[in-house]
Amino acid sequence: ARLRDAGARLVSDQRRPDGTGWVVLADPEGNEFCVERSDA
């Protein structure tokens, strides 16, 4: 949510019902990156 508010765009949501997974975002130039779960 913070990164989308900063200008990232959602590319692919790979979150699973059990809480695992990741989210693929793109920066303002379209470069893709993933957001993983925190250590906690």
Full PDB file with SEQRES, HELIX, SHEET, SSBOND, CRYST1, ORIGX, SCALE, CONECT and MASTER records, all heavy atoms in Angstrom:
SEQRES   1 A   40  ALA ARG LEU ARG ASP ALA GLY ALA ARG LEU VAL SER ASP          
SEQRES   2 A   40  GLN ARG ARG PRO ASP GLY THR GLY TRP VAL VAL LEU ALA          
SEQRES   3 A   40  ASP PRO GLU GLY ASN GLU PHE CYS VAL GLU ARG SER ASP          
SEQRES   4 A   40  ALA                                                          
HELIX    1 AA1 ARG A    2  ASP A    5  1                                   4    
SHEET    1 AA1 3 ARG A   9  ASP A  13  0                                        
SHEET    2 AA1 3 VAL A  23  ALA A  26 -1                                        
SHEET    3 AA1 3 GLU A  32  VAL A  35 -1                                        
CRYST1    1.000    1.000    1.000  90.00  90.00  90.00 P 1           1          
ORIGX1      1.000000  0.000000  0.000000        0.00000                         
ORIGX2      0.000000  1.000000  0.000000        0.00000                         
ORIGX3      0.000000  0.000000  1.000000        0.00000                         
SCALE1      1.000000  0.000000  0.000000        0.00000                         
SCALE2      0.000000  1.000000  0.000000        0.00000                         
SCALE3      0.000000  0.000000  1.000000        0.00000                         
ATOM      1  N   ALA A   1       0.833  -1.205   0.000  1.00  0.00           N  
ATOM      2  CA  ALA A   1       0.000   0.000   0.000  1.00  0.00           C  
ATOM      3  C   ALA A   1       0.866   1.254   0.000  1.00  0.00           C  
ATOM      4  O   ALA A   1       0.593   2.216  -0.738  1.00  0.00           O  
ATOM      5  CB  ALA A   1      -0.937  -0.017   1.205  1.00  0.00           C  
ATOM      6  N   ARG A   2       1.918   1.267   0.820  1.00  0.00           N  
ATOM      7  CA  ARG A   2       2.810   2.438   0.893  1.00  0.00           C  
ATOM      8  C   ARG A   2       3.469   2.698  -0.458  1.00  0.00           C  
ATOM      9  O   ARG A   2       3.529   3.844  -0.931  1.00  0.00           O  
ATOM     10  CB  ARG A   2       3.888   2.204   1.961  1.00  0.00           C  
ATOM     11  CG  ARG A   2       4.842   3.362   2.145  1.00  0.00           C  
ATOM     12  CD  ARG A   2       5.880   3.047   3.217  1.00  0.00           C  
ATOM     13  NE  ARG A   2       6.974   2.249   2.708  1.00  0.00           N  
ATOM     14  CZ  ARG A   2       8.106   2.746   2.182  1.00  0.00           C  
ATOM     15  NH1 ARG A   2       8.283   4.054   2.094  1.00  0.00           N  
ATOM     16  NH2 ARG A   2       9.052   1.947   1.753  1.00  0.00           N  
ATOM     17  N   LEU A   3       3.953   1.648  -1.104  1.00  0.00           N  
ATOM     18  CA  LEU A   3       4.651   1.816  -2.375  1.00  0.00           C  
ATOM     19  C   LEU A   3       3.696   2.198  -3.506  1.00  0.00           C  
ATOM     20  O   LEU A   3       4.050   2.990  -4.377  1.00  0.00           O  
ATOM     21  CB  LEU A   3       5.444   0.551  -2.709  1.00  0.00           C  
ATOM     22  CG  LEU A   3       6.541   0.224  -1.694  1.00  0.00           C  
ATOM     23  CD1 LEU A   3       7.220  -1.090  -2.033  1.00  0.00           C  
ATOM     24  CD2 LEU A   3       7.535   1.351  -1.569  1.00  0.00           C  
ATOM     25  N   ARG A   4       2.481   1.692  -3.469  1.00  0.00           N  
ATOM     26  CA  ARG A   4       1.493   2.102  -4.470  1.00  0.00           C  
ATOM     27  C   ARG A   4       1.142   3.573  -4.289  1.00  0.00           C  
ATOM     28  O   ARG A   4       1.003   4.309  -5.266  1.00  0.00           O  
ATOM     29  CB  ARG A   4       0.259   1.208  -4.413  1.00  0.00           C  
ATOM     30  CG  ARG A   4       0.596  -0.214  -4.918  1.00  0.00           C  
ATOM     31  CD  ARG A   4      -0.597  -1.070  -5.073  1.00  0.00           C  
ATOM     32  NE  ARG A   4      -1.367  -0.636  -6.244  1.00  0.00           N  
ATOM     33  CZ  ARG A   4      -2.553  -1.123  -6.549  1.00  0.00           C  
ATOM     34  NH1 ARG A   4      -3.122  -2.032  -5.789  1.00  0.00           N  
ATOM     35  NH2 ARG A   4      -3.185  -0.705  -7.615  1.00  0.00           N  
ATOM     36  N   ASP A   5       1.034   4.013  -3.031  1.00  0.00           N  
ATOM     37  CA  ASP A   5       0.784   5.433  -2.765  1.00  0.00           C  
ATOM     38  C   ASP A   5       1.937   6.299  -3.266  1.00  0.00           C  
ATOM     39  O   ASP A   5       1.738   7.459  -3.632  1.00  0.00           O  
ATOM     40  CB  ASP A   5       0.587   5.689  -1.267  1.00  0.00           C  
ATOM     41  CG  ASP A   5      -0.757   5.191  -0.759  1.00  0.00           C  
ATOM     42  OD1 ASP A   5      -1.649   4.884  -1.587  1.00  0.00           O  
ATOM     43  OD2 ASP A   5      -0.908   5.097   0.482  1.00  0.00           O  
ATOM     44  N   ALA A   6       3.157   5.729  -3.294  1.00  0.00           N  
ATOM     45  CA  ALA A   6       4.346   6.468  -3.738  1.00  0.00           C  
ATOM     46  C   ALA A   6       4.510   6.460  -5.253  1.00  0.00           C  
ATOM     47  O   ALA A   6       5.405   7.110  -5.781  1.00  0.00           O  
ATOM     48  CB  ALA A   6       5.592   5.888  -3.081  1.00  0.00           C  
ATOM     49  N   GLY A   7       3.670   5.699  -5.969  1.00  0.00           N  
ATOM     50  CA  GLY A   7       3.746   5.707  -7.425  1.00  0.00           C  
ATOM     51  C   GLY A   7       3.990   4.363  -8.077  1.00  0.00           C  
ATOM     52  O   GLY A   7       4.048   4.273  -9.300  1.00  0.00           O  
ATOM     53  N   ALA A   8       4.124   3.300  -7.287  1.00  0.00           N  
ATOM     54  CA  ALA A   8       4.285   1.968  -7.878  1.00  0.00           C  
ATOM     55  C   ALA A   8       2.941   1.501  -8.438  1.00  0.00           C  
ATOM     56  O   ALA A   8       1.881   1.891  -7.962  1.00  0.00           O  
ATOM     57  CB  ALA A   8       4.798   0.984  -6.831  1.00  0.00           C  
ATOM     58  N   ARG A   9       3.021   0.643  -9.445  1.00  0.00           N  
ATOM     59  CA  ARG A   9       1.828   0.095 -10.096  1.00  0.00           C  
ATOM     60  C   ARG A   9       1.782  -1.414  -9.870  1.00  0.00           C  
ATOM     61  O   ARG A   9       2.801  -2.095  -9.970  1.00  0.00           O  
ATOM     62  CB  ARG A   9       1.899   0.406 -11.593  1.00  0.00           C  
ATOM     63  CG  ARG A   9       0.767  -0.148 -12.431  1.00  0.00           C  
ATOM     64  CD  ARG A   9       0.917   0.233 -13.900  1.00  0.00           C  
ATOM     65  NE  ARG A   9       2.210  -0.076 -14.468  1.00  0.00           N  
ATOM     66  CZ  ARG A   9       2.583  -1.278 -14.929  1.00  0.00           C  
ATOM     67  NH1 ARG A   9       1.768  -2.297 -14.875  1.00  0.00           N  
ATOM     68  NH2 ARG A   9       3.786  -1.440 -15.456  1.00  0.00           N  
ATOM     69  N   LEU A  10       0.588  -1.945  -9.570  1.00  0.00           N  
ATOM     70  CA  LEU A  10       0.418  -3.380  -9.385  1.00  0.00           C  
ATOM     71  C   LEU A  10       0.553  -4.094 -10.725  1.00  0.00           C  
ATOM     72  O   LEU A  10      -0.112  -3.727 -11.699  1.00  0.00           O  
ATOM     73  CB  LEU A  10      -0.952  -3.674  -8.776  1.00  0.00           C  
ATOM     74  CG  LEU A  10      -1.289  -5.149  -8.584  1.00  0.00           C  
ATOM     75  CD1 LEU A  10      -0.362  -5.783  -7.540  1.00  0.00           C  
ATOM     76  CD2 LEU A  10      -2.746  -5.312  -8.177  1.00  0.00           C  
ATOM     77  N   VAL A  11       1.417  -5.107 -10.779  1.00  0.00           N  
ATOM     78  CA  VAL A  11       1.597  -5.922 -11.981  1.00  0.00           C  
ATOM     79  C   VAL A  11       0.931  -7.273 -11.796  1.00  0.00           C  
ATOM     80  O   VAL A  11       0.191  -7.742 -12.652  1.00  0.00           O  
ATOM     81  CB  VAL A  11       3.101  -6.105 -12.307  1.00  0.00           C  
ATOM     82  CG1 VAL A  11       3.303  -7.071 -13.461  1.00  0.00           C  
ATOM     83  CG2 VAL A  11       3.746  -4.763 -12.603  1.00  0.00           C  
ATOM     84  N   SER A  12       1.189  -7.918 -10.653  1.00  0.00           N  
ATOM     85  CA  SER A  12       0.663  -9.256 -10.410  1.00  0.00           C  
ATOM     86  C   SER A  12       0.595  -9.516  -8.914  1.00  0.00           C  
ATOM     87  O   SER A  12       1.573  -9.290  -8.195  1.00  0.00           O  
ATOM     88  CB  SER A  12       1.576 -10.293 -11.080  1.00  0.00           C  
ATOM     89  OG  SER A  12       1.170 -11.598 -10.771  1.00  0.00           O  
ATOM     90  N   ASP A  13      -0.547  -9.999  -8.447  1.00  0.00           N  
ATOM     91  CA  ASP A  13      -0.730 -10.300  -7.029  1.00  0.00           C  
ATOM     92  C   ASP A  13      -0.607 -11.808  -6.842  1.00  0.00           C  
ATOM     93  O   ASP A  13      -1.465 -12.563  -7.283  1.00  0.00           O  
ATOM     94  CB  ASP A  13      -2.097  -9.802  -6.559  1.00  0.00           C  
ATOM     95  CG  ASP A  13      -2.235  -9.826  -5.061  1.00  0.00           C  
ATOM     96  OD1 ASP A  13      -1.556 -10.642  -4.399  1.00  0.00           O  
ATOM     97  OD2 ASP A  13      -3.034  -9.037  -4.531  1.00  0.00           O  
ATOM     98  N   GLN A  14       0.472 -12.230  -6.216  1.00  0.00           N  
ATOM     99  CA  GLN A  14       0.747 -13.645  -6.002  1.00  0.00           C  
ATOM    100  C   GLN A  14       0.546 -14.056  -4.535  1.00  0.00           C  
ATOM    101  O   GLN A  14       1.085 -15.064  -4.091  1.00  0.00           O  
ATOM    102  CB  GLN A  14       2.179 -13.964  -6.449  1.00  0.00           C  
ATOM    103  CG  GLN A  14       2.445 -13.687  -7.914  1.00  0.00           C  
ATOM    104  CD  GLN A  14       1.609 -14.567  -8.815  1.00  0.00           C  
ATOM    105  OE1 GLN A  14       1.435 -15.751  -8.561  1.00  0.00           O  
ATOM    106  NE2 GLN A  14       1.063 -13.984  -9.878  1.00  0.00           N  
ATOM    107  N   ARG A  15      -0.223 -13.257  -3.779  1.00  0.00           N  
ATOM    108  CA  ARG A  15      -0.512 -13.602  -2.385  1.00  0.00           C  
ATOM    109  C   ARG A  15      -1.458 -14.795  -2.359  1.00  0.00           C  
ATOM    110  O   ARG A  15      -2.381 -14.881  -3.168  1.00  0.00           O  
ATOM    111  CB  ARG A  15      -1.128 -12.413  -1.649  1.00  0.00           C  
ATOM    112  CG  ARG A  15      -0.127 -11.290  -1.433  1.00  0.00           C  
ATOM    113  CD  ARG A  15      -0.755 -10.087  -0.794  1.00  0.00           C  
ATOM    114  NE  ARG A  15      -1.406  -9.271  -1.838  1.00  0.00           N  
ATOM    115  CZ  ARG A  15      -1.752  -8.010  -1.672  1.00  0.00           C  
ATOM    116  NH1 ARG A  15      -1.552  -7.400  -0.525  1.00  0.00           N  
ATOM    117  NH2 ARG A  15      -2.313  -7.353  -2.664  1.00  0.00           N  
ATOM    118  N   ARG A  16      -1.213 -15.694  -1.397  1.00  0.00           N  
ATOM    119  CA  ARG A  16      -2.031 -16.900  -1.253  1.00  0.00           C  
ATOM    120  C   ARG A  16      -2.892 -16.798   0.005  1.00  0.00           C  
ATOM    121  O   ARG A  16      -2.544 -16.064   0.936  1.00  0.00           O  
ATOM    122  CB  ARG A  16      -1.113 -18.115  -1.176  1.00  0.00           C  
ATOM    123  CG  ARG A  16      -0.274 -18.278  -2.425  1.00  0.00           C  
ATOM    124  CD  ARG A  16       0.601 -19.513  -2.352  1.00  0.00           C  
ATOM    125  NE  ARG A  16       1.560 -19.494  -3.428  1.00  0.00           N  
ATOM    126  CZ  ARG A  16       2.872 -19.355  -3.264  1.00  0.00           C  
ATOM    127  NH1 ARG A  16       3.393 -19.254  -2.057  1.00  0.00           N  
ATOM    128  NH2 ARG A  16       3.672 -19.349  -4.309  1.00  0.00           N  
ATOM    129  N   PRO A  17      -3.976 -17.554   0.065  1.00  0.00           N  
ATOM    130  CA  PRO A  17      -4.855 -17.501   1.238  1.00  0.00           C  
ATOM    131  C   PRO A  17      -4.152 -17.817   2.562  1.00  0.00           C  
ATOM    132  O   PRO A  17      -4.540 -17.303   3.607  1.00  0.00           O  
ATOM    133  CB  PRO A  17      -5.921 -18.553   0.935  1.00  0.00           C  
ATOM    134  CG  PRO A  17      -5.959 -18.636  -0.557  1.00  0.00           C  
ATOM    135  CD  PRO A  17      -4.535 -18.408  -1.002  1.00  0.00           C  
ATOM    136  N   ASP A  18      -3.089 -18.625   2.526  1.00  0.00           N  
ATOM    137  CA  ASP A  18      -2.381 -18.964   3.777  1.00  0.00           C  
ATOM    138  C   ASP A  18      -1.402 -17.875   4.209  1.00  0.00           C  
ATOM    139  O   ASP A  18      -0.683 -18.032   5.182  1.00  0.00           O  
ATOM    140  CB  ASP A  18      -1.677 -20.308   3.657  1.00  0.00           C  
ATOM    141  CG  ASP A  18      -0.517 -20.299   2.658  1.00  0.00           C  
ATOM    142  OD1 ASP A  18      -0.278 -19.266   1.994  1.00  0.00           O  
ATOM    143  OD2 ASP A  18       0.159 -21.347   2.537  1.00  0.00           O  
ATOM    144  N   GLY A  19      -1.352 -16.745   3.489  1.00  0.00           N  
ATOM    145  CA  GLY A  19      -0.476 -15.633   3.861  1.00  0.00           C  
ATOM    146  C   GLY A  19       0.868 -15.637   3.165  1.00  0.00           C  
ATOM    147  O   GLY A  19       1.616 -14.666   3.258  1.00  0.00           O  
ATOM    148  N   THR A  20       1.220 -16.714   2.486  1.00  0.00           N  
ATOM    149  CA  THR A  20       2.484 -16.751   1.761  1.00  0.00           C  
ATOM    150  C   THR A  20       2.325 -16.002   0.446  1.00  0.00           C  
ATOM    151  O   THR A  20       1.275 -15.458   0.139  1.00  0.00           O  
ATOM    152  CB  THR A  20       2.941 -18.212   1.516  1.00  0.00           C  
ATOM    153  OG1 THR A  20       1.940 -18.874   0.725  1.00  0.00           O  
ATOM    154  CG2 THR A  20       3.145 -18.953   2.828  1.00  0.00           C  
ATOM    155  N   GLY A  21       3.372 -15.999  -0.355  1.00  0.00           N  
ATOM    156  CA  GLY A  21       3.324 -15.351  -1.658  1.00  0.00           C  
ATOM    157  C   GLY A  21       3.963 -13.977  -1.654  1.00  0.00           C  
ATOM    158  O   GLY A  21       4.594 -13.567  -0.678  1.00  0.00           O  
ATOM    159  N   TRP A  22       3.799 -13.277  -2.733  1.00  0.00           N  
ATOM    160  CA  TRP A  22       4.438 -11.989  -2.949  1.00  0.00           C  
ATOM    161  C   TRP A  22       3.566 -11.151  -3.864  1.00  0.00           C  
ATOM    162  O   TRP A  22       2.580 -11.621  -4.415  1.00  0.00           O  
ATOM    163  CB  TRP A  22       5.825 -12.185  -3.555  1.00  0.00           C  
ATOM    164  CG  TRP A  22       5.772 -12.845  -4.897  1.00  0.00           C  
ATOM    165  CD1 TRP A  22       5.730 -12.223  -6.116  1.00  0.00           C  
ATOM    166  CD2 TRP A  22       5.713 -14.248  -5.171  1.00  0.00           C  
ATOM    167  NE1 TRP A  22       5.655 -13.150  -7.135  1.00  0.00           N  
ATOM    168  CE2 TRP A  22       5.644 -14.412  -6.574  1.00  0.00           C  
ATOM    169  CE3 TRP A  22       5.709 -15.387  -4.379  1.00  0.00           C  
ATOM    170  CZ2 TRP A  22       5.570 -15.647  -7.186  1.00  0.00           C  
ATOM    171  CZ3 TRP A  22       5.638 -16.626  -4.992  1.00  0.00           C  
ATOM    172  CH2 TRP A  22       5.578 -16.743  -6.378  1.00  0.00           C  
ATOM    173  N   VAL A  23       3.965  -9.892  -4.033  1.00  0.00           N  
ATOM    174  CA  VAL A  23       3.267  -8.983  -4.933  1.00  0.00           C  
ATOM    175  C   VAL A  23       4.289  -8.398  -5.889  1.00  0.00           C  
ATOM    176  O   VAL A  23       5.358  -7.944  -5.467  1.00  0.00           O  
ATOM    177  CB  VAL A  23       2.557  -7.851  -4.144  1.00  0.00           C  
ATOM    178  CG1 VAL A  23       1.886  -6.869  -5.094  1.00  0.00           C  
ATOM    179  CG2 VAL A  23       1.549  -8.433  -3.166  1.00  0.00           C  
ATOM    180  N   VAL A  24       3.980  -8.431  -7.183  1.00  0.00           N  
ATOM    181  CA  VAL A  24       4.839  -7.834  -8.200  1.00  0.00           C  
ATOM    182  C   VAL A  24       4.322  -6.427  -8.476  1.00  0.00           C  
ATOM    183  O   VAL A  24       3.158  -6.235  -8.819  1.00  0.00           O  
ATOM    184  CB  VAL A  24       4.852  -8.655  -9.503  1.00  0.00           C  
ATOM    185  CG1 VAL A  24       5.799  -8.031 -10.522  1.00  0.00           C  
ATOM    186  CG2 VAL A  24       5.210 -10.112  -9.241  1.00  0.00           C  
ATOM    187  N   LEU A  25       5.212  -5.456  -8.281  1.00  0.00           N  
ATOM    188  CA  LEU A  25       4.907  -4.057  -8.574  1.00  0.00           C  
ATOM    189  C   LEU A  25       5.837  -3.566  -9.673  1.00  0.00           C  
ATOM    190  O   LEU A  25       6.849  -4.213  -9.969  1.00  0.00           O  
ATOM    191  CB  LEU A  25       5.104  -3.196  -7.317  1.00  0.00           C  
ATOM    192  CG  LEU A  25       4.231  -3.504  -6.112  1.00  0.00           C  
ATOM    193  CD1 LEU A  25       4.619  -2.606  -4.928  1.00  0.00           C  
ATOM    194  CD2 LEU A  25       2.760  -3.346  -6.433  1.00  0.00           C  
ATOM    195  N   ALA A  26       5.531  -2.428 -10.234  1.00  0.00           N  
ATOM    196  CA  ALA A  26       6.418  -1.757 -11.193  1.00  0.00           C  
ATOM    197  C   ALA A  26       6.676  -0.352 -10.675  1.00  0.00           C  
ATOM    198  O   ALA A  26       5.757   0.315 -10.182  1.00  0.00           O  
ATOM    199  CB  ALA A  26       5.789  -1.702 -12.579  1.00  0.00           C  
ATOM    200  N   ASP A  27       7.920   0.088 -10.771  1.00  0.00           N  
ATOM    201  CA  ASP A  27       8.261   1.450 -10.366  1.00  0.00           C  
ATOM    202  C   ASP A  27       7.728   2.429 -11.424  1.00  0.00           C  
ATOM    203  O   ASP A  27       7.137   1.995 -12.428  1.00  0.00           O  
ATOM    204  CB  ASP A  27       9.764   1.584 -10.103  1.00  0.00           C  
ATOM    205  CG  ASP A  27      10.639   1.528 -11.345  1.00  0.00           C  
ATOM    206  OD1 ASP A  27      10.142   1.672 -12.487  1.00  0.00           O  
ATOM    207  OD2 ASP A  27      11.862   1.350 -11.182  1.00  0.00           O  
ATOM    208  N   PRO A  28       7.886   3.724 -11.229  1.00  0.00           N  
ATOM    209  CA  PRO A  28       7.329   4.687 -12.195  1.00  0.00           C  
ATOM    210  C   PRO A  28       7.838   4.533 -13.631  1.00  0.00           C  
ATOM    211  O   PRO A  28       7.195   5.012 -14.559  1.00  0.00           O  
ATOM    212  CB  PRO A  28       7.726   6.045 -11.596  1.00  0.00           C  
ATOM    213  CG  PRO A  28       7.763   5.792 -10.132  1.00  0.00           C  
ATOM    214  CD  PRO A  28       8.352   4.409 -10.013  1.00  0.00           C  
ATOM    215  N   GLU A  29       8.971   3.861 -13.831  1.00  0.00           N  
ATOM    216  CA  GLU A  29       9.494   3.626 -15.184  1.00  0.00           C  
ATOM    217  C   GLU A  29       9.071   2.266 -15.736  1.00  0.00           C  
ATOM    218  O   GLU A  29       9.450   1.894 -16.831  1.00  0.00           O  
ATOM    219  CB  GLU A  29      11.021   3.701 -15.164  1.00  0.00           C  
ATOM    220  CG  GLU A  29      11.551   5.094 -15.057  1.00  0.00           C  
ATOM    221  CD  GLU A  29      11.771   5.751 -16.415  1.00  0.00           C  
ATOM    222  OE1 GLU A  29      11.860   5.059 -17.438  1.00  0.00           O  
ATOM    223  OE2 GLU A  29      11.864   6.983 -16.432  1.00  0.00           O  
ATOM    224  N   GLY A  30       8.327   1.481 -14.945  1.00  0.00           N  
ATOM    225  CA  GLY A  30       7.875   0.173 -15.405  1.00  0.00           C  
ATOM    226  C   GLY A  30       8.783  -0.978 -15.021  1.00  0.00           C  
ATOM    227  O   GLY A  30       8.528  -2.124 -15.397  1.00  0.00           O  
ATOM    228  N   ASN A  31       9.853  -0.716 -14.268  1.00  0.00           N  
ATOM    229  CA  ASN A  31      10.752  -1.784 -13.826  1.00  0.00           C  
ATOM    230  C   ASN A  31      10.070  -2.580 -12.726  1.00  0.00           C  
ATOM    231  O   ASN A  31       9.643  -2.031 -11.710  1.00  0.00           O  
ATOM    232  CB  ASN A  31      12.065  -1.198 -13.297  1.00  0.00           C  
ATOM    233  CG  ASN A  31      12.773  -0.397 -14.351  1.00  0.00           C  
ATOM    234  OD1 ASN A  31      13.141  -0.907 -15.397  1.00  0.00           O  
ATOM    235  ND2 ASN A  31      12.935   0.892 -14.096  1.00  0.00           N  
ATOM    236  N   GLU A  32       9.961  -3.893 -12.931  1.00  0.00           N  
ATOM    237  CA  GLU A  32       9.235  -4.735 -11.997  1.00  0.00           C  
ATOM    238  C   GLU A  32      10.099  -5.123 -10.794  1.00  0.00           C  
ATOM    239  O   GLU A  32      11.305  -5.296 -10.922  1.00  0.00           O  
ATOM    240  CB  GLU A  32       8.754  -5.986 -12.723  1.00  0.00           C  
ATOM    241  CG  GLU A  32       7.751  -5.647 -13.815  1.00  0.00           C  
ATOM    242  CD  GLU A  32       7.510  -6.783 -14.778  1.00  0.00           C  
ATOM    243  OE1 GLU A  32       7.904  -7.929 -14.484  1.00  0.00           O  
ATOM    244  OE2 GLU A  32       6.928  -6.516 -15.835  1.00  0.00           O  
ATOM    245  N   PHE A  33       9.438  -5.252  -9.645  1.00  0.00           N  
ATOM    246  CA  PHE A  33      10.082  -5.728  -8.432  1.00  0.00           C  
ATOM    247  C   PHE A  33       9.032  -6.414  -7.581  1.00  0.00           C  
ATOM    248  O   PHE A  33       7.832  -6.195  -7.761  1.00  0.00           O  
ATOM    249  CB  PHE A  33      10.774  -4.595  -7.672  1.00  0.00           C  
ATOM    250  CG  PHE A  33       9.867  -3.511  -7.158  1.00  0.00           C  
ATOM    251  CD1 PHE A  33       9.482  -3.487  -5.822  1.00  0.00           C  
ATOM    252  CD2 PHE A  33       9.412  -2.504  -7.995  1.00  0.00           C  
ATOM    253  CE1 PHE A  33       8.651  -2.483  -5.339  1.00  0.00           C  
ATOM    254  CE2 PHE A  33       8.592  -1.486  -7.526  1.00  0.00           C  
ATOM    255  CZ  PHE A  33       8.203  -1.481  -6.191  1.00  0.00           C  
ATOM    256  N   CYS A  34       9.477  -7.278  -6.682  1.00  0.00           N  
ATOM    257  CA  CYS A  34       8.555  -8.035  -5.842  1.00  0.00           C  
ATOM    258  C   CYS A  34       8.637  -7.559  -4.400  1.00  0.00           C  
ATOM    259  O   CYS A  34       9.699  -7.185  -3.918  1.00  0.00           O  
ATOM    260  CB  CYS A  34       8.888  -9.521  -5.878  1.00  0.00           C  
ATOM    261  SG  CYS A  34       8.637 -10.272  -7.501  1.00  0.00           S  
ATOM    262  N   VAL A  35       7.499  -7.605  -3.719  1.00  0.00           N  
ATOM    263  CA  VAL A  35       7.434  -7.317  -2.294  1.00  0.00           C  
ATOM    264  C   VAL A  35       7.119  -8.638  -1.599  1.00  0.00           C  
ATOM    265  O   VAL A  35       6.078  -9.258  -1.862  1.00  0.00           O  
ATOM    266  CB  VAL A  35       6.367  -6.258  -1.960  1.00  0.00           C  
ATOM    267  CG1 VAL A  35       6.358  -5.961  -0.460  1.00  0.00           C  
ATOM    268  CG2 VAL A  35       6.601  -4.987  -2.764  1.00  0.00           C  
ATOM    269  N   GLU A  36       8.041  -9.065  -0.750  1.00  0.00           N  
ATOM    270  CA  GLU A  36       7.899 -10.315  -0.016  1.00  0.00           C  
ATOM    271  C   GLU A  36       7.355 -10.062   1.382  1.00  0.00           C  
ATOM    272  O   GLU A  36       7.234  -8.917   1.808  1.00  0.00           O  
ATOM    273  CB  GLU A  36       9.268 -10.995   0.104  1.00  0.00           C  
ATOM    274  CG  GLU A  36       9.893 -11.323  -1.219  1.00  0.00           C  
ATOM    275  CD  GLU A  36      11.278 -11.935  -1.068  1.00  0.00           C  
ATOM    276  OE1 GLU A  36      11.845 -11.896   0.048  1.00  0.00           O  
ATOM    277  OE2 GLU A  36      11.783 -12.455  -2.068  1.00  0.00           O  
ATOM    278  N   ARG A  37       7.083 -11.139   2.111  1.00  0.00           N  
ATOM    279  CA  ARG A  37       6.661 -11.024   3.515  1.00  0.00           C  
ATOM    280  C   ARG A  37       7.841 -10.583   4.370  1.00  0.00           C  
ATOM    281  O   ARG A  37       8.988 -10.884   4.084  1.00  0.00           O  
ATOM    282  CB  ARG A  37       6.171 -12.375   4.052  1.00  0.00           C  
ATOM    283  CG  ARG A  37       4.925 -12.886   3.392  1.00  0.00           C  
ATOM    284  CD  ARG A  37       4.436 -14.169   4.012  1.00  0.00           C  
ATOM    285  NE  ARG A  37       5.439 -15.226   3.909  1.00  0.00           N  
ATOM    286  CZ  ARG A  37       5.471 -16.305   4.683  1.00  0.00           C  
ATOM    287  NH1 ARG A  37       4.576 -16.481   5.627  1.00  0.00           N  
ATOM    288  NH2 ARG A  37       6.401 -17.218   4.518  1.00  0.00           N  
ATOM    289  N   SER A  38       7.525  -9.887   5.462  1.00  0.00           N  
ATOM    290  CA  SER A  38       8.555  -9.469   6.416  1.00  0.00           C  
ATOM    291  C   SER A  38       9.047 -10.675   7.205  1.00  0.00           C  
ATOM    292  O   SER A  38       8.410 -11.740   7.209  1.00  0.00           O  
ATOM    293  CB  SER A  38       7.982  -8.430   7.385  1.00  0.00           C  
ATOM    294  OG  SER A  38       7.002  -9.041   8.222  1.00  0.00           O  
ATOM    295  N   ASP A  39      10.175 -10.524   7.886  1.00  0.00           N  
ATOM    296  CA  ASP A  39      10.677 -11.603   8.743  1.00  0.00           C  
ATOM    297  C   ASP A  39       9.666 -11.955   9.824  1.00  0.00           C  
ATOM    298  O   ASP A  39       9.478 -13.134  10.144  1.00  0.00           O  
ATOM    299  CB  ASP A  39      12.017 -11.208   9.381  1.00  0.00           C  
ATOM    300  CG  ASP A  39      13.162 -11.244   8.379  1.00  0.00           C  
ATOM    301  OD1 ASP A  39      13.032 -11.900   7.321  1.00  0.00           O  
ATOM    302  OD2 ASP A  39      14.200 -10.609   8.665  1.00  0.00           O  
ATOM    303  N   ALA A  40       9.013 -10.950  10.399  1.00  0.00           N  
ATOM    304  CA  ALA A  40       8.011 -11.203  11.442  1.00  0.00           C  
ATOM    305  C   ALA A  40       6.861 -12.043  10.890  1.00  0.00           C  
ATOM    306  O   ALA A  40       6.383 -12.963  11.565  1.00  0.00           O  
ATOM    307  CB  ALA A  40       7.497  -9.885  12.006  1.00  0.00           C  
TER     308      ALA A  40                                                      
MASTER        0    0    0    1    3    0    0    6  307    1    0    4          
END                                                                             
